[in-house]
């Protein structure tokens, strides 16, 4: 099964000092061990870059551009990058209107639109509650995965 991996999982994977680092790693390993294909979309890479290159004192990882590029290259080796397609926009527009999405959560709706466009229904994220409003999507936390609630 294909599973979209949210940015927050990848950021914890790249941040060994995070209290959620090992949890993110273990969940990713378990999903692969169970035969799943882990995917990302370009938006996830853009969000990762934004946080990775932001200074630590403003909630970033403080990576240089070169360090962030190495991290992105590693991500692209470990995860399937799905295409950013023109057809995502009308799906996103319907989602934000139908579910009264506003503010920062419009980014989450775009991930959902990309998932729908690519036929994915499973998401790995630390923010499960952010995705509960969207029917046809199951969001799993790393804790869920490690408890045996695999997609």
C-alpha atoms as a PDB file:
ATOM      1  CA  UNK A   1       0.000   0.000   0.000  1.00  0.00           C
ATOM      2  CA  UNK A   2       1.184   3.545  -0.710  1.00  0.00           C
ATOM      3  CA  UNK A   3       1.305   5.870   2.299  1.00  0.00           C
ATOM      4  CA  UNK A   4       1.973   9.602   2.206  1.00  0.00           C
ATOM      5  CA  UNK A   5       4.478  10.737   4.821  1.00  0.00           C
ATOM      6  CA  UNK A   6       3.810  14.155   6.342  1.00  0.00           C
ATOM      7  CA  UNK A   7       6.535  16.763   6.753  1.00  0.00           C
ATOM      8  CA  UNK A   8       6.526  16.534  10.545  1.00  0.00           C
ATOM      9  CA  UNK A   9       7.625  12.896  10.359  1.00  0.00           C
ATOM     10  CA  UNK A  10      10.524  13.752   8.040  1.00  0.00           C
ATOM     11  CA  UNK A  11      11.607  16.652  10.225  1.00  0.00           C
ATOM     12  CA  UNK A  12      11.756  14.419  13.312  1.00  0.00           C
ATOM     13  CA  UNK A  13      13.672  11.843  11.277  1.00  0.00           C
ATOM     14  CA  UNK A  14      16.245  14.521  10.436  1.00  0.00           C
ATOM     15  CA  UNK A  15      16.486  15.822  14.002  1.00  0.00           C
ATOM     16  CA  UNK A  16      18.272  13.315  16.275  1.00  0.00           C
ATOM     17  CA  UNK A  17      17.806  15.560  19.348  1.00  0.00           C
ATOM     18  CA  UNK A  18      14.012  15.545  18.999  1.00  0.00           C
ATOM     19  CA  UNK A  19      12.168  13.456  21.585  1.00  0.00           C
ATOM     20  CA  UNK A  20      10.140  12.083  18.644  1.00  0.00           C
ATOM     21  CA  UNK A  21      13.130  11.156  16.471  1.00  0.00           C
ATOM     22  CA  UNK A  22      13.239   7.448  17.333  1.00  0.00           C
ATOM     23  CA  UNK A  23       9.458   7.154  17.225  1.00  0.00           C
ATOM     24  CA  UNK A  24       9.386   8.561  13.680  1.00  0.00           C
ATOM     25  CA  UNK A  25      12.234   6.287  12.570  1.00  0.00           C
ATOM     26  CA  UNK A  26      10.688   3.178  14.099  1.00  0.00           C
ATOM     27  CA  UNK A  27       7.298   3.865  12.497  1.00  0.00           C
ATOM     28  CA  UNK A  28       8.873   4.364   9.064  1.00  0.00           C
ATOM     29  CA  UNK A  29      10.885   1.160   9.429  1.00  0.00           C
ATOM     30  CA  UNK A  30       7.798  -0.778  10.516  1.00  0.00           C
ATOM     31  CA  UNK A  31       5.723   0.474   7.584  1.00  0.00           C
ATOM     32  CA  UNK A  32       8.424  -0.547   5.104  1.00  0.00           C
ATOM     33  CA  UNK A  33       8.879  -3.900   6.859  1.00  0.00           C
ATOM     34  CA  UNK A  34       5.137  -4.484   6.419  1.00  0.00           C
ATOM     35  CA  UNK A  35       5.516  -3.988   2.665  1.00  0.00           C
ATOM     36  CA  UNK A  36       4.200  -0.437   2.307  1.00  0.00           C
ATOM     37  CA  UNK A  37       5.569   2.132  -0.141  1.00  0.00           C
ATOM     38  CA  UNK A  38       6.331   5.458   1.517  1.00  0.00           C
ATOM     39  CA  UNK A  39       5.606   8.528  -0.606  1.00  0.00           C
ATOM     40  CA  UNK A  40       6.039  12.282  -0.496  1.00  0.00           C
ATOM     41  CA  UNK A  41       4.737  15.082  -2.679  1.00  0.00           C
ATOM     42  CA  UNK A  42       6.681  18.226  -3.610  1.00  0.00           C
ATOM     43  CA  UNK A  43       4.813  20.252  -0.975  1.00  0.00           C
ATOM     44  CA  UNK A  44       6.328  18.032   1.721  1.00  0.00           C
ATOM     45  CA  UNK A  45       9.812  18.737   0.360  1.00  0.00           C
ATOM     46  CA  UNK A  46       9.132  22.503   0.260  1.00  0.00           C
ATOM     47  CA  UNK A  47       7.864  22.463   3.851  1.00  0.00           C
ATOM     48  CA  UNK A  48      10.829  20.358   4.960  1.00  0.00           C
ATOM     49  CA  UNK A  49      13.250  22.827   3.319  1.00  0.00           C
ATOM     50  CA  UNK A  50      11.549  25.790   4.977  1.00  0.00           C
ATOM     51  CA  UNK A  51      11.907  24.357   8.475  1.00  0.00           C
ATOM     52  CA  UNK A  52      15.303  22.723   7.893  1.00  0.00           C
ATOM     53  CA  UNK A  53      16.916  25.996   6.787  1.00  0.00           C
ATOM     54  CA  UNK A  54      15.175  28.180   9.391  1.00  0.00           C
ATOM     55  CA  UNK A  55      17.337  29.162  12.385  1.00  0.00           C
ATOM     56  CA  UNK A  56      16.969  27.047  15.524  1.00  0.00           C
ATOM     57  CA  UNK A  57      15.918  30.095  17.584  1.00  0.00           C
ATOM     58  CA  UNK A  58      12.781  30.420  15.418  1.00  0.00           C
ATOM     59  CA  UNK A  59      11.778  26.746  15.589  1.00  0.00           C
ATOM     60  CA  UNK A  60      13.897  25.514  12.677  1.00  0.00           C
ATOM     61  CA  UNK A  61      16.661  22.965  12.312  1.00  0.00           C
ATOM     62  CA  UNK A  62      19.341  25.536  11.456  1.00  0.00           C
ATOM     63  CA  UNK A  63      20.727  23.639   8.457  1.00  0.00           C
ATOM     64  CA  UNK A  64      22.819  25.348   5.817  1.00  0.00           C
ATOM     65  CA  UNK A  65      21.587  25.188   2.237  1.00  0.00           C
ATOM     66  CA  UNK A  66      24.173  22.461   1.536  1.00  0.00           C
ATOM     67  CA  UNK A  67      23.051  20.410   4.548  1.00  0.00           C
ATOM     68  CA  UNK A  68      19.399  20.804   3.613  1.00  0.00           C
ATOM     69  CA  UNK A  69      20.141  19.734   0.023  1.00  0.00           C
ATOM     70  CA  UNK A  70      21.870  16.576   1.286  1.00  0.00           C
ATOM     71  CA  UNK A  71      18.866  15.844   3.490  1.00  0.00           C
ATOM     72  CA  UNK A  72      16.469  16.339   0.581  1.00  0.00           C
ATOM     73  CA  UNK A  73      18.587  14.069  -1.618  1.00  0.00           C
ATOM     74  CA  UNK A  74      18.433  11.420   1.122  1.00  0.00           C
ATOM     75  CA  UNK A  75      14.649  11.812   1.277  1.00  0.00           C
ATOM     76  CA  UNK A  76      14.348  11.374  -2.467  1.00  0.00           C
ATOM     77  CA  UNK A  77      16.316   8.123  -2.241  1.00  0.00           C
ATOM     78  CA  UNK A  78      14.171   6.767   0.590  1.00  0.00           C
ATOM     79  CA  UNK A  79      10.690   7.909  -0.495  1.00  0.00           C
ATOM     80  CA  UNK A  80       8.743   7.850  -3.754  1.00  0.00           C
ATOM     81  CA  UNK A  81       8.209  11.420  -4.990  1.00  0.00           C
ATOM     82  CA  UNK A  82       4.756  11.778  -6.532  1.00  0.00           C
ATOM     83  CA  UNK A  83       4.190  14.416  -9.194  1.00  0.00           C
ATOM     84  CA  UNK A  84       2.726  17.822  -8.537  1.00  0.00           C
ATOM     85  CA  UNK A  85      -0.105  17.922 -11.038  1.00  0.00           C
ATOM     86  CA  UNK A  86      -2.427  20.581 -12.355  1.00  0.00           C
ATOM     87  CA  UNK A  87      -5.369  18.369 -11.363  1.00  0.00           C
ATOM     88  CA  UNK A  88      -4.622  18.866  -7.657  1.00  0.00           C
ATOM     89  CA  UNK A  89      -5.924  22.440  -7.640  1.00  0.00           C
ATOM     90  CA  UNK A  90      -9.635  21.778  -8.318  1.00  0.00           C
ATOM     91  CA  UNK A  91      -9.625  19.012  -5.699  1.00  0.00           C
ATOM     92  CA  UNK A  92      -8.019  21.392  -3.183  1.00  0.00           C
ATOM     93  CA  UNK A  93     -10.549  24.097  -4.002  1.00  0.00           C
ATOM     94  CA  UNK A  94     -13.464  21.723  -3.380  1.00  0.00           C
ATOM     95  CA  UNK A  95     -11.933  20.511  -0.123  1.00  0.00           C
ATOM     96  CA  UNK A  96     -11.391  23.981   1.344  1.00  0.00           C
ATOM     97  CA  UNK A  97     -14.903  25.091   0.432  1.00  0.00           C
ATOM     98  CA  UNK A  98     -16.704  21.865   1.387  1.00  0.00           C
ATOM     99  CA  UNK A  99     -14.909  21.556   4.740  1.00  0.00           C
ATOM    100  CA  UNK A 100     -14.658  25.280   5.598  1.00  0.00           C
ATOM    101  CA  UNK A 101     -10.863  25.157   5.681  1.00  0.00           C
ATOM    102  CA  UNK A 102      -9.091  28.415   6.458  1.00  0.00           C
ATOM    103  CA  UNK A 103      -5.676  29.657   7.499  1.00  0.00           C
ATOM    104  CA  UNK A 104      -2.722  27.345   7.904  1.00  0.00           C
ATOM    105  CA  UNK A 105      -4.845  24.215   7.588  1.00  0.00           C
ATOM    106  CA  UNK A 106      -5.262  25.001   3.894  1.00  0.00           C
ATOM    107  CA  UNK A 107      -1.793  23.428   3.534  1.00  0.00           C
ATOM    108  CA  UNK A 108      -3.172  20.205   5.006  1.00  0.00           C
ATOM    109  CA  UNK A 109      -6.047  20.341   2.524  1.00  0.00           C
ATOM    110  CA  UNK A 110      -3.519  20.553  -0.305  1.00  0.00           C
ATOM    111  CA  UNK A 111      -1.837  17.376   0.950  1.00  0.00           C
ATOM    112  CA  UNK A 112      -5.229  15.695   0.996  1.00  0.00           C
ATOM    113  CA  UNK A 113      -5.911  16.927  -2.544  1.00  0.00           C
ATOM    114  CA  UNK A 114      -2.596  15.487  -3.716  1.00  0.00           C
ATOM    115  CA  UNK A 115      -3.416  12.209  -1.986  1.00  0.00           C
ATOM    116  CA  UNK A 116      -6.795  12.035  -3.691  1.00  0.00           C
ATOM    117  CA  UNK A 117      -5.279  12.885  -7.078  1.00  0.00           C
ATOM    118  CA  UNK A 118      -2.773  10.044  -6.660  1.00  0.00           C
ATOM    119  CA  UNK A 119      -5.284   7.562  -5.223  1.00  0.00           C
ATOM    120  CA  UNK A 120      -3.802   7.427  -1.708  1.00  0.00           C
ATOM    121  CA  UNK A 121      -5.944   7.069   1.381  1.00  0.00           C
ATOM    122  CA  UNK A 122      -3.296   6.569   4.112  1.00  0.00           C
ATOM    123  CA  UNK A 123      -1.158   9.226   5.807  1.00  0.00           C
ATOM    124  CA  UNK A 124       1.573   9.003   8.452  1.00  0.00           C
ATOM    125  CA  UNK A 125       1.614  12.143  10.603  1.00  0.00           C
ATOM    126  CA  UNK A 126       2.080  13.371  14.142  1.00  0.00           C
ATOM    127  CA  UNK A 127      -1.015  15.572  13.616  1.00  0.00           C
ATOM    128  CA  UNK A 128      -3.766  13.001  13.127  1.00  0.00           C
ATOM    129  CA  UNK A 129      -6.517  15.345  14.330  1.00  0.00           C
ATOM    130  CA  UNK A 130      -5.717  17.868  11.572  1.00  0.00           C
ATOM    131  CA  UNK A 131      -6.904  15.372   8.954  1.00  0.00           C
ATOM    132  CA  UNK A 132     -10.000  13.900  10.623  1.00  0.00           C
ATOM    133  CA  UNK A 133     -12.383  16.239   8.790  1.00  0.00           C
ATOM    134  CA  UNK A 134     -11.529  14.690   5.429  1.00  0.00           C
ATOM    135  CA  UNK A 135     -13.548  11.583   4.498  1.00  0.00           C
ATOM    136  CA  UNK A 136     -11.822   8.722   2.731  1.00  0.00           C
ATOM    137  CA  UNK A 137      -8.513   9.429   4.440  1.00  0.00           C
ATOM    138  CA  UNK A 138      -6.995   7.578   7.360  1.00  0.00           C
ATOM    139  CA  UNK A 139      -4.258   9.375   9.264  1.00  0.00           C
ATOM    140  CA  UNK A 140      -1.964   7.232  11.397  1.00  0.00           C
ATOM    141  CA  UNK A 141       0.411   8.446  14.090  1.00  0.00           C
ATOM    142  CA  UNK A 142       3.735   6.718  14.661  1.00  0.00           C
ATOM    143  CA  UNK A 143       2.327   5.459  17.962  1.00  0.00           C
ATOM    144  CA  UNK A 144      -0.588   3.836  16.087  1.00  0.00           C
ATOM    145  CA  UNK A 145       1.802   2.156  13.673  1.00  0.00           C
ATOM    146  CA  UNK A 146       4.026   0.789  16.442  1.00  0.00           C
ATOM    147  CA  UNK A 147       0.978  -0.449  18.347  1.00  0.00           C
ATOM    148  CA  UNK A 148       0.235  -2.708  15.385  1.00  0.00           C
ATOM    149  CA  UNK A 149      -2.469  -0.566  13.784  1.00  0.00           C
ATOM    150  CA  UNK A 150      -0.866  -0.763  10.379  1.00  0.00           C
ATOM    151  CA  UNK A 151      -2.592   0.450   7.257  1.00  0.00           C
END
